Protein backbone atom coordinates (compact mmCIF):
# COMPACT_ATOMS: atom_id res chain seq x y z
CA UNK A 1 -17.39 -32.34 30.15
CA UNK A 2 -15.71 -29.94 32.60
CA UNK A 3 -15.21 -26.26 31.86
CA UNK A 4 -11.87 -24.48 32.25
CA UNK A 5 -10.96 -20.82 32.58
CA UNK A 6 -7.68 -19.57 31.12
CA UNK A 7 -6.29 -16.31 32.49
CA UNK A 8 -4.12 -14.29 30.12
CA UNK A 9 -2.55 -10.86 30.46
CA UNK A 10 -3.56 -8.68 27.52
CA UNK A 11 -2.45 -5.04 27.77
CA UNK A 12 -3.77 -4.13 24.32
CA UNK A 13 -7.52 -4.36 23.90
CA UNK A 14 -9.35 -4.43 20.59
CA UNK A 15 -7.79 -6.38 17.75
CA UNK A 16 -5.24 -8.14 19.99
CA UNK A 17 -8.05 -9.54 22.11
CA UNK A 18 -9.97 -10.65 19.03
CA UNK A 19 -6.90 -12.31 17.51
CA UNK A 20 -6.17 -14.18 20.76
CA UNK A 21 -9.71 -15.57 20.83
CA UNK A 22 -9.54 -16.50 17.13
CA UNK A 23 -6.24 -18.33 17.60
CA UNK A 24 -7.60 -20.17 20.65
CA UNK A 25 -10.76 -21.16 18.76
CA UNK A 26 -8.73 -22.41 15.76
CA UNK A 27 -6.32 -24.39 17.95
CA UNK A 28 -9.20 -26.01 19.86
CA UNK A 29 -10.91 -26.92 16.59
CA UNK A 30 -7.68 -28.44 15.25
CA UNK A 31 -7.18 -30.58 18.36
CA UNK A 32 -10.85 -31.61 18.35
CA UNK A 33 -10.50 -32.77 14.74
CA UNK A 34 -7.57 -34.93 15.89
CA UNK A 35 -9.71 -36.55 18.60
CA UNK A 36 -9.08 -34.40 21.68
CA UNK A 37 -12.30 -33.60 23.49
CA UNK A 38 -12.13 -29.80 23.65
CA UNK A 39 -14.29 -26.86 22.59
CA UNK A 40 -13.64 -23.13 22.78
CA UNK A 41 -16.68 -21.48 24.41
CA UNK A 42 -16.01 -17.75 24.69
CA UNK A 43 -13.65 -15.01 25.81
CA UNK A 44 -14.15 -12.18 28.29
CA UNK A 45 -11.92 -9.13 28.61
CA UNK A 46 -11.53 -7.09 31.81
CA UNK A 47 -10.06 -3.80 30.55
CA UNK A 48 -9.34 -2.26 33.96
CA UNK A 49 -7.18 -5.26 34.87
CA UNK A 50 -5.87 -5.95 31.33
CA UNK A 51 -6.90 -9.58 31.69
CA UNK A 52 -8.58 -11.78 29.13
CA UNK A 53 -10.35 -14.95 30.23
CA UNK A 54 -10.86 -17.76 27.74
CA UNK A 55 -13.46 -20.42 28.50
CA UNK A 56 -13.15 -23.97 27.21
CA UNK A 57 -15.07 -27.19 27.66
CA UNK A 58 -12.42 -29.92 27.71
CA UNK A 59 -11.49 -33.35 28.93
CA UNK A 60 -8.61 -31.93 31.02
CA UNK A 61 -6.58 -28.87 31.96
CA UNK A 62 -3.67 -30.40 30.02
CA UNK A 63 -5.76 -30.32 26.81
CA UNK A 64 -6.52 -26.63 27.41
CA UNK A 65 -2.86 -25.82 28.10
CA UNK A 66 -1.87 -27.65 24.90
CA UNK A 67 -4.46 -25.64 22.96
CA UNK A 68 -3.18 -22.33 24.33
CA UNK A 69 0.42 -23.28 23.61
CA UNK A 70 -0.48 -24.21 20.02
CA UNK A 71 -2.31 -20.89 19.69
CA UNK A 72 0.83 -19.04 20.83
CA UNK A 73 -0.90 -17.63 23.90
CA UNK A 74 0.92 -16.90 27.12
CA UNK A 75 -1.27 -17.69 30.06
CA UNK A 76 -1.01 -17.20 33.80
CA UNK A 77 -3.07 -20.23 34.76
CA UNK A 78 -5.73 -22.73 33.76
CA UNK A 79 -8.36 -23.62 36.35
CA UNK A 80 -11.49 -25.72 36.33
CA UNK A 81 -14.61 -23.58 36.46
CA UNK A 82 -18.08 -24.52 37.70
CA UNK A 83 -21.21 -22.64 36.68
CA UNK A 84 -23.90 -22.00 39.24
CA UNK A 85 -27.20 -23.57 38.29
CA UNK A 86 -30.08 -21.20 37.67
CA UNK A 87 -32.99 -21.27 40.12
CA UNK A 88 -35.87 -23.44 38.94
CA UNK A 89 -38.01 -21.83 36.31
CA UNK A 90 -35.38 -19.21 35.44
CA UNK A 91 -33.72 -18.97 32.06
CA UNK A 92 -30.80 -16.92 30.84
CA UNK A 93 -31.96 -13.79 29.06
CA UNK A 94 -29.73 -12.76 26.21
CA UNK A 95 -29.95 -9.14 25.26
CA UNK A 96 -29.06 -7.95 21.83
CA UNK A 97 -29.49 -4.76 19.90
CA UNK A 98 -31.89 -6.49 17.52
CA UNK A 99 -34.05 -7.76 20.36
CA UNK A 100 -34.18 -4.36 22.03
CA UNK A 101 -35.02 -2.65 18.74
CA UNK A 102 -37.76 -5.19 18.07
CA UNK A 103 -39.28 -4.55 21.49
CA UNK A 104 -39.30 -0.81 20.88
CA UNK A 105 -41.05 -1.19 17.54
CA UNK A 106 -43.84 -3.26 19.07
CA UNK A 107 -44.65 -0.59 21.65
């Protein structure tokens, strides 16, 4: 299923960003329960530019636009996004506070 990137203007960080992502997730879930092939993946906020990007896996850009409209989000655009494959043998490393703390304790 293709991935789509939604660009939204979000001048207020913090709770406004969190609420936008929660509304987008809920709207995607609601449409998915009704048979639309869509899934909210994640959000990314760029504070210097006051832009929030929402990432969806969906059957079409129209499904993503419908989700954002249902969530009450104003968006600048919806574009298909393509991830670069990782080189062979490489995996994505996820860092977390727990993982870093665990590594320190083992030393």
